[in-house]
Amino acid sequence: MEDKKAGWKELPEGDVLEGASSLKFKTGNWRNKRPVHIPERCINCFICWISCPDSAVKVNSEAGKFERFDYDYCKGCGICAYECPKEAIKMVDEQEGEK
C-alpha cells in the first residue's frame, strides 16, 4: 500500500509577516557605491524610477521631475545609472562625502 503525501492543508503554517513590513528593514547600509543625480543632464524620463528594483528612486509626479534617491533602501546596484540615457546618474564610492 502506497503512503499518501500530505496535501497543502496539512502543512504547518509558515512565518507570516504583517503587511508593509519591508518598510521597517532599511537595507541601504549594504551598498559600497551610491547613485548621485546630475540635474543639469536629467531629462526626467523616469527610466531610473522604472528600473530601480528597490523603489529607491523618488519622483515628484505632480511636477514630473526626479526628486531624490532614498538611500535608506538603495542597495547601490547601479541599474539606474546603467539605464539612464543621458548619464545623469553617476555611481560614487559610499565613502565619498558628496550626496
N, C-alpha and C. Protein backbone atom coordinates (compact mmCIF):
# COMPACT_ATOMS: atom_id res chain seq x y z
N MET A 1 0.84 -1.17 0.00
CA MET A 1 0.00 0.00 0.00
C MET A 1 0.89 1.24 0.00
N GLU A 2 0.56 2.19 -0.84
CA GLU A 2 1.35 3.40 -1.02
C GLU A 2 0.94 4.46 0.00
N ASP A 3 1.96 5.10 0.63
CA ASP A 3 1.67 6.18 1.58
C ASP A 3 1.22 7.41 0.82
N LYS A 4 0.17 8.00 1.31
CA LYS A 4 -0.34 9.22 0.68
C LYS A 4 0.40 10.43 1.26
N LYS A 5 0.89 11.30 0.38
CA LYS A 5 1.60 12.50 0.81
C LYS A 5 0.60 13.51 1.35
N ALA A 6 1.07 14.29 2.32
CA ALA A 6 0.22 15.32 2.89
C ALA A 6 -0.08 16.41 1.86
N GLY A 7 -1.28 16.90 1.84
CA GLY A 7 -1.66 18.00 0.96
C GLY A 7 -1.33 19.33 1.60
N TRP A 8 -1.57 20.39 0.89
CA TRP A 8 -1.21 21.70 1.39
C TRP A 8 -1.97 22.08 2.66
N LYS A 9 -3.17 21.54 2.81
CA LYS A 9 -3.97 21.86 4.00
C LYS A 9 -3.36 21.27 5.27
N GLU A 10 -2.58 20.22 5.13
CA GLU A 10 -1.97 19.58 6.30
C GLU A 10 -0.60 20.17 6.65
N LEU A 11 -0.05 21.00 5.82
CA LEU A 11 1.26 21.59 6.08
C LEU A 11 1.17 22.57 7.24
N PRO A 12 2.22 22.66 8.06
CA PRO A 12 2.20 23.62 9.17
C PRO A 12 2.26 25.05 8.63
N GLU A 13 1.64 25.96 9.36
CA GLU A 13 1.63 27.36 8.95
C GLU A 13 3.04 27.93 9.03
N GLY A 14 3.43 28.64 8.00
CA GLY A 14 4.77 29.22 7.95
C GLY A 14 4.82 30.58 8.61
N ASP A 15 5.91 31.24 8.43
CA ASP A 15 6.11 32.57 9.00
C ASP A 15 5.31 33.57 8.18
N VAL A 16 4.36 34.21 8.80
CA VAL A 16 3.54 35.19 8.13
C VAL A 16 3.88 36.56 8.71
N LEU A 17 4.29 37.48 7.84
CA LEU A 17 4.65 38.82 8.28
C LEU A 17 3.49 39.77 8.06
N GLU A 18 3.43 40.78 8.86
CA GLU A 18 2.40 41.79 8.70
C GLU A 18 2.64 42.55 7.40
N GLY A 19 1.62 43.20 6.89
CA GLY A 19 1.75 43.96 5.67
C GLY A 19 2.69 45.14 5.81
N ALA A 20 3.36 45.51 4.72
CA ALA A 20 4.29 46.64 4.65
C ALA A 20 5.46 46.51 5.60
N SER A 21 5.83 45.30 5.98
CA SER A 21 6.93 45.12 6.92
C SER A 21 8.29 45.47 6.32
N SER A 22 8.41 45.48 5.00
CA SER A 22 9.69 45.80 4.39
C SER A 22 10.11 47.25 4.67
N LEU A 23 9.15 48.10 5.01
CA LEU A 23 9.49 49.48 5.35
C LEU A 23 10.33 49.55 6.62
N LYS A 24 10.24 48.53 7.45
CA LYS A 24 10.99 48.50 8.70
C LYS A 24 12.44 48.04 8.50
N PHE A 25 12.73 47.41 7.36
CA PHE A 25 14.04 46.82 7.12
C PHE A 25 14.81 47.67 6.12
N LYS A 26 15.50 48.67 6.63
CA LYS A 26 16.27 49.56 5.77
C LYS A 26 17.54 48.84 5.36
N THR A 27 17.73 48.72 4.05
CA THR A 27 18.81 47.91 3.52
C THR A 27 19.92 48.72 2.85
N GLY A 28 19.85 50.04 2.96
CA GLY A 28 20.83 50.90 2.30
C GLY A 28 22.24 50.75 2.81
N ASN A 29 22.41 50.22 4.01
CA ASN A 29 23.77 50.07 4.55
C ASN A 29 24.52 48.90 3.92
N TRP A 30 23.92 48.20 2.99
CA TRP A 30 24.58 47.09 2.30
C TRP A 30 25.52 47.57 1.21
N ARG A 31 25.30 48.76 0.71
CA ARG A 31 26.00 49.17 -0.52
C ARG A 31 27.41 49.68 -0.25
N ASN A 32 28.24 49.61 -1.32
CA ASN A 32 29.56 50.22 -1.25
C ASN A 32 29.67 51.36 -2.27
N LYS A 33 28.68 51.47 -3.15
CA LYS A 33 28.57 52.61 -4.07
C LYS A 33 27.14 53.13 -3.99
N ARG A 34 27.00 54.43 -4.26
CA ARG A 34 25.67 55.01 -4.24
C ARG A 34 25.47 55.89 -5.47
N PRO A 35 24.23 56.03 -5.93
CA PRO A 35 23.97 56.88 -7.08
C PRO A 35 23.90 58.35 -6.68
N VAL A 36 24.40 59.20 -7.55
CA VAL A 36 24.32 60.65 -7.38
C VAL A 36 23.67 61.22 -8.64
N HIS A 37 22.68 62.04 -8.44
CA HIS A 37 21.93 62.65 -9.54
C HIS A 37 22.65 63.89 -10.05
N ILE A 38 22.70 64.03 -11.37
CA ILE A 38 23.30 65.20 -12.02
C ILE A 38 22.15 65.95 -12.71
N PRO A 39 21.54 66.92 -12.03
CA PRO A 39 20.31 67.54 -12.53
C PRO A 39 20.43 68.22 -13.89
N GLU A 40 21.59 68.81 -14.20
CA GLU A 40 21.72 69.50 -15.48
C GLU A 40 21.69 68.56 -16.68
N ARG A 41 21.91 67.28 -16.47
CA ARG A 41 21.85 66.29 -17.55
C ARG A 41 20.49 65.59 -17.63
N CYS A 42 19.73 65.65 -16.55
CA CYS A 42 18.50 64.87 -16.42
C CYS A 42 17.39 65.42 -17.31
N ILE A 43 16.69 64.54 -18.04
CA ILE A 43 15.55 64.92 -18.87
C ILE A 43 14.23 64.44 -18.24
N ASN A 44 14.31 63.92 -17.02
CA ASN A 44 13.13 63.45 -16.30
C ASN A 44 12.31 62.43 -17.10
N CYS A 45 13.00 61.47 -17.65
CA CYS A 45 12.35 60.40 -18.41
C CYS A 45 11.82 59.30 -17.49
N PHE A 46 12.31 59.28 -16.26
CA PHE A 46 11.92 58.32 -15.22
C PHE A 46 12.33 56.88 -15.51
N ILE A 47 13.26 56.68 -16.43
CA ILE A 47 13.75 55.32 -16.68
C ILE A 47 14.44 54.79 -15.43
N CYS A 48 15.09 55.67 -14.68
CA CYS A 48 15.73 55.24 -13.43
C CYS A 48 14.67 54.76 -12.44
N TRP A 49 13.58 55.45 -12.36
CA TRP A 49 12.48 55.10 -11.45
C TRP A 49 11.86 53.75 -11.83
N ILE A 50 11.67 53.56 -13.13
CA ILE A 50 11.09 52.31 -13.63
C ILE A 50 12.04 51.14 -13.37
N SER A 51 13.33 51.38 -13.53
CA SER A 51 14.33 50.31 -13.46
C SER A 51 14.75 49.92 -12.06
N CYS A 52 14.55 50.78 -11.09
CA CYS A 52 15.05 50.51 -9.74
C CYS A 52 14.31 49.34 -9.09
N PRO A 53 15.04 48.28 -8.74
CA PRO A 53 14.38 47.11 -8.13
C PRO A 53 13.97 47.33 -6.67
N ASP A 54 14.44 48.42 -6.06
CA ASP A 54 14.17 48.66 -4.64
C ASP A 54 13.26 49.86 -4.40
N SER A 55 12.72 50.45 -5.45
CA SER A 55 11.87 51.65 -5.33
C SER A 55 12.58 52.75 -4.56
N ALA A 56 13.87 52.88 -4.78
CA ALA A 56 14.68 53.88 -4.08
C ALA A 56 14.77 55.20 -4.84
N VAL A 57 14.28 55.23 -6.07
CA VAL A 57 14.24 56.47 -6.84
C VAL A 57 12.90 57.13 -6.56
N LYS A 58 12.94 58.33 -6.06
CA LYS A 58 11.72 59.06 -5.73
C LYS A 58 11.51 60.18 -6.73
N VAL A 59 10.30 60.26 -7.25
CA VAL A 59 9.96 61.30 -8.22
C VAL A 59 8.78 62.11 -7.70
N ASN A 60 8.69 63.33 -8.16
CA ASN A 60 7.55 64.17 -7.86
C ASN A 60 6.63 64.07 -9.06
N SER A 61 5.59 63.26 -8.95
CA SER A 61 4.72 63.01 -10.10
C SER A 61 3.93 64.25 -10.49
N GLU A 62 3.61 65.12 -9.53
CA GLU A 62 2.87 66.34 -9.85
C GLU A 62 3.73 67.29 -10.68
N ALA A 63 5.00 67.41 -10.31
CA ALA A 63 5.90 68.29 -11.05
C ALA A 63 6.53 67.59 -12.25
N GLY A 64 6.45 66.25 -12.28
CA GLY A 64 7.05 65.49 -13.37
C GLY A 64 8.56 65.53 -13.36
N LYS A 65 9.14 65.47 -12.14
CA LYS A 65 10.59 65.59 -12.02
C LYS A 65 11.16 64.57 -11.03
N PHE A 66 12.43 64.24 -11.29
CA PHE A 66 13.19 63.44 -10.34
C PHE A 66 13.27 64.24 -9.05
N GLU A 67 13.11 63.54 -7.90
CA GLU A 67 13.17 64.24 -6.62
C GLU A 67 14.43 63.91 -5.83
N ARG A 68 14.68 62.60 -5.63
CA ARG A 68 15.83 62.20 -4.82
C ARG A 68 15.98 60.68 -4.85
N PHE A 69 17.08 60.22 -4.28
CA PHE A 69 17.27 58.80 -4.02
C PHE A 69 16.95 58.56 -2.55
N ASP A 70 16.29 57.48 -2.26
CA ASP A 70 16.04 57.10 -0.87
C ASP A 70 17.17 56.16 -0.47
N TYR A 71 18.21 56.73 0.13
CA TYR A 71 19.40 55.97 0.47
C TYR A 71 19.15 54.96 1.59
N ASP A 72 18.04 55.06 2.28
CA ASP A 72 17.70 54.05 3.30
C ASP A 72 17.46 52.68 2.66
N TYR A 73 17.01 52.67 1.39
CA TYR A 73 16.67 51.41 0.74
C TYR A 73 17.52 51.11 -0.49
N CYS A 74 18.27 52.07 -0.99
CA CYS A 74 19.13 51.86 -2.16
C CYS A 74 20.27 50.92 -1.79
N LYS A 75 20.42 49.84 -2.56
CA LYS A 75 21.49 48.87 -2.31
C LYS A 75 22.72 49.12 -3.17
N GLY A 76 22.68 50.16 -4.02
CA GLY A 76 23.84 50.51 -4.83
C GLY A 76 24.09 49.60 -6.01
N CYS A 77 23.05 49.02 -6.55
CA CYS A 77 23.23 48.08 -7.67
C CYS A 77 23.68 48.77 -8.95
N GLY A 78 23.35 50.06 -9.12
CA GLY A 78 23.79 50.81 -10.30
C GLY A 78 22.91 50.65 -11.52
N ILE A 79 21.79 49.97 -11.41
CA ILE A 79 20.90 49.80 -12.57
C ILE A 79 20.41 51.15 -13.06
N CYS A 80 20.08 52.05 -12.13
CA CYS A 80 19.60 53.38 -12.52
C CYS A 80 20.63 54.10 -13.39
N ALA A 81 21.88 54.07 -12.97
CA ALA A 81 22.95 54.74 -13.72
C ALA A 81 23.18 54.06 -15.07
N TYR A 82 23.11 52.75 -15.09
CA TYR A 82 23.31 52.00 -16.33
C TYR A 82 22.22 52.30 -17.35
N GLU A 83 20.99 52.40 -16.89
CA GLU A 83 19.85 52.60 -17.78
C GLU A 83 19.63 54.06 -18.18
N CYS A 84 20.21 55.01 -17.47
CA CYS A 84 19.98 56.42 -17.76
C CYS A 84 20.52 56.79 -19.15
N PRO A 85 19.64 57.26 -20.05
CA PRO A 85 20.10 57.56 -21.42
C PRO A 85 20.94 58.82 -21.51
N LYS A 86 20.95 59.67 -20.49
CA LYS A 86 21.69 60.93 -20.52
C LYS A 86 22.85 60.97 -19.54
N GLU A 87 23.18 59.83 -18.94
CA GLU A 87 24.27 59.75 -17.96
C GLU A 87 24.10 60.81 -16.86
N ALA A 88 22.86 60.93 -16.38
CA ALA A 88 22.53 61.90 -15.35
C ALA A 88 22.65 61.31 -13.95
N ILE A 89 23.14 60.08 -13.88
CA ILE A 89 23.37 59.42 -12.59
C ILE A 89 24.76 58.82 -12.63
N LYS A 90 25.55 59.14 -11.63
CA LYS A 90 26.87 58.51 -11.54
C LYS A 90 26.93 57.74 -10.22
N MET A 91 27.68 56.67 -10.24
CA MET A 91 27.88 55.87 -9.05
C MET A 91 29.19 56.30 -8.41
N VAL A 92 29.14 56.61 -7.13
CA VAL A 92 30.33 57.03 -6.40
C VAL A 92 30.56 56.10 -5.22
N ASP A 93 31.80 56.04 -4.77
CA ASP A 93 32.10 55.24 -3.59
C ASP A 93 31.30 55.76 -2.41
N GLU A 94 30.79 54.87 -1.62
CA GLU A 94 29.98 55.24 -0.46
C GLU A 94 30.74 56.16 0.49
N GLN A 95 32.05 56.03 0.55
CA GLN A 95 32.86 56.81 1.48
C GLN A 95 33.03 58.27 1.05
N GLU A 96 32.73 58.60 -0.23
CA GLU A 96 32.86 59.98 -0.70
C GLU A 96 31.81 60.84 0.00
N GLY A 97 32.15 62.06 0.31
CA GLY A 97 31.27 62.96 1.05
C GLY A 97 30.10 63.50 0.25
N GLU A 98 30.18 63.48 -1.09
CA GLU A 98 29.13 64.06 -1.93
C GLU A 98 27.84 63.28 -1.81
N LYS A 99 26.74 63.97 -1.62
CA LYS A 99 25.41 63.32 -1.58
C LYS A 99 24.49 63.97 -2.55
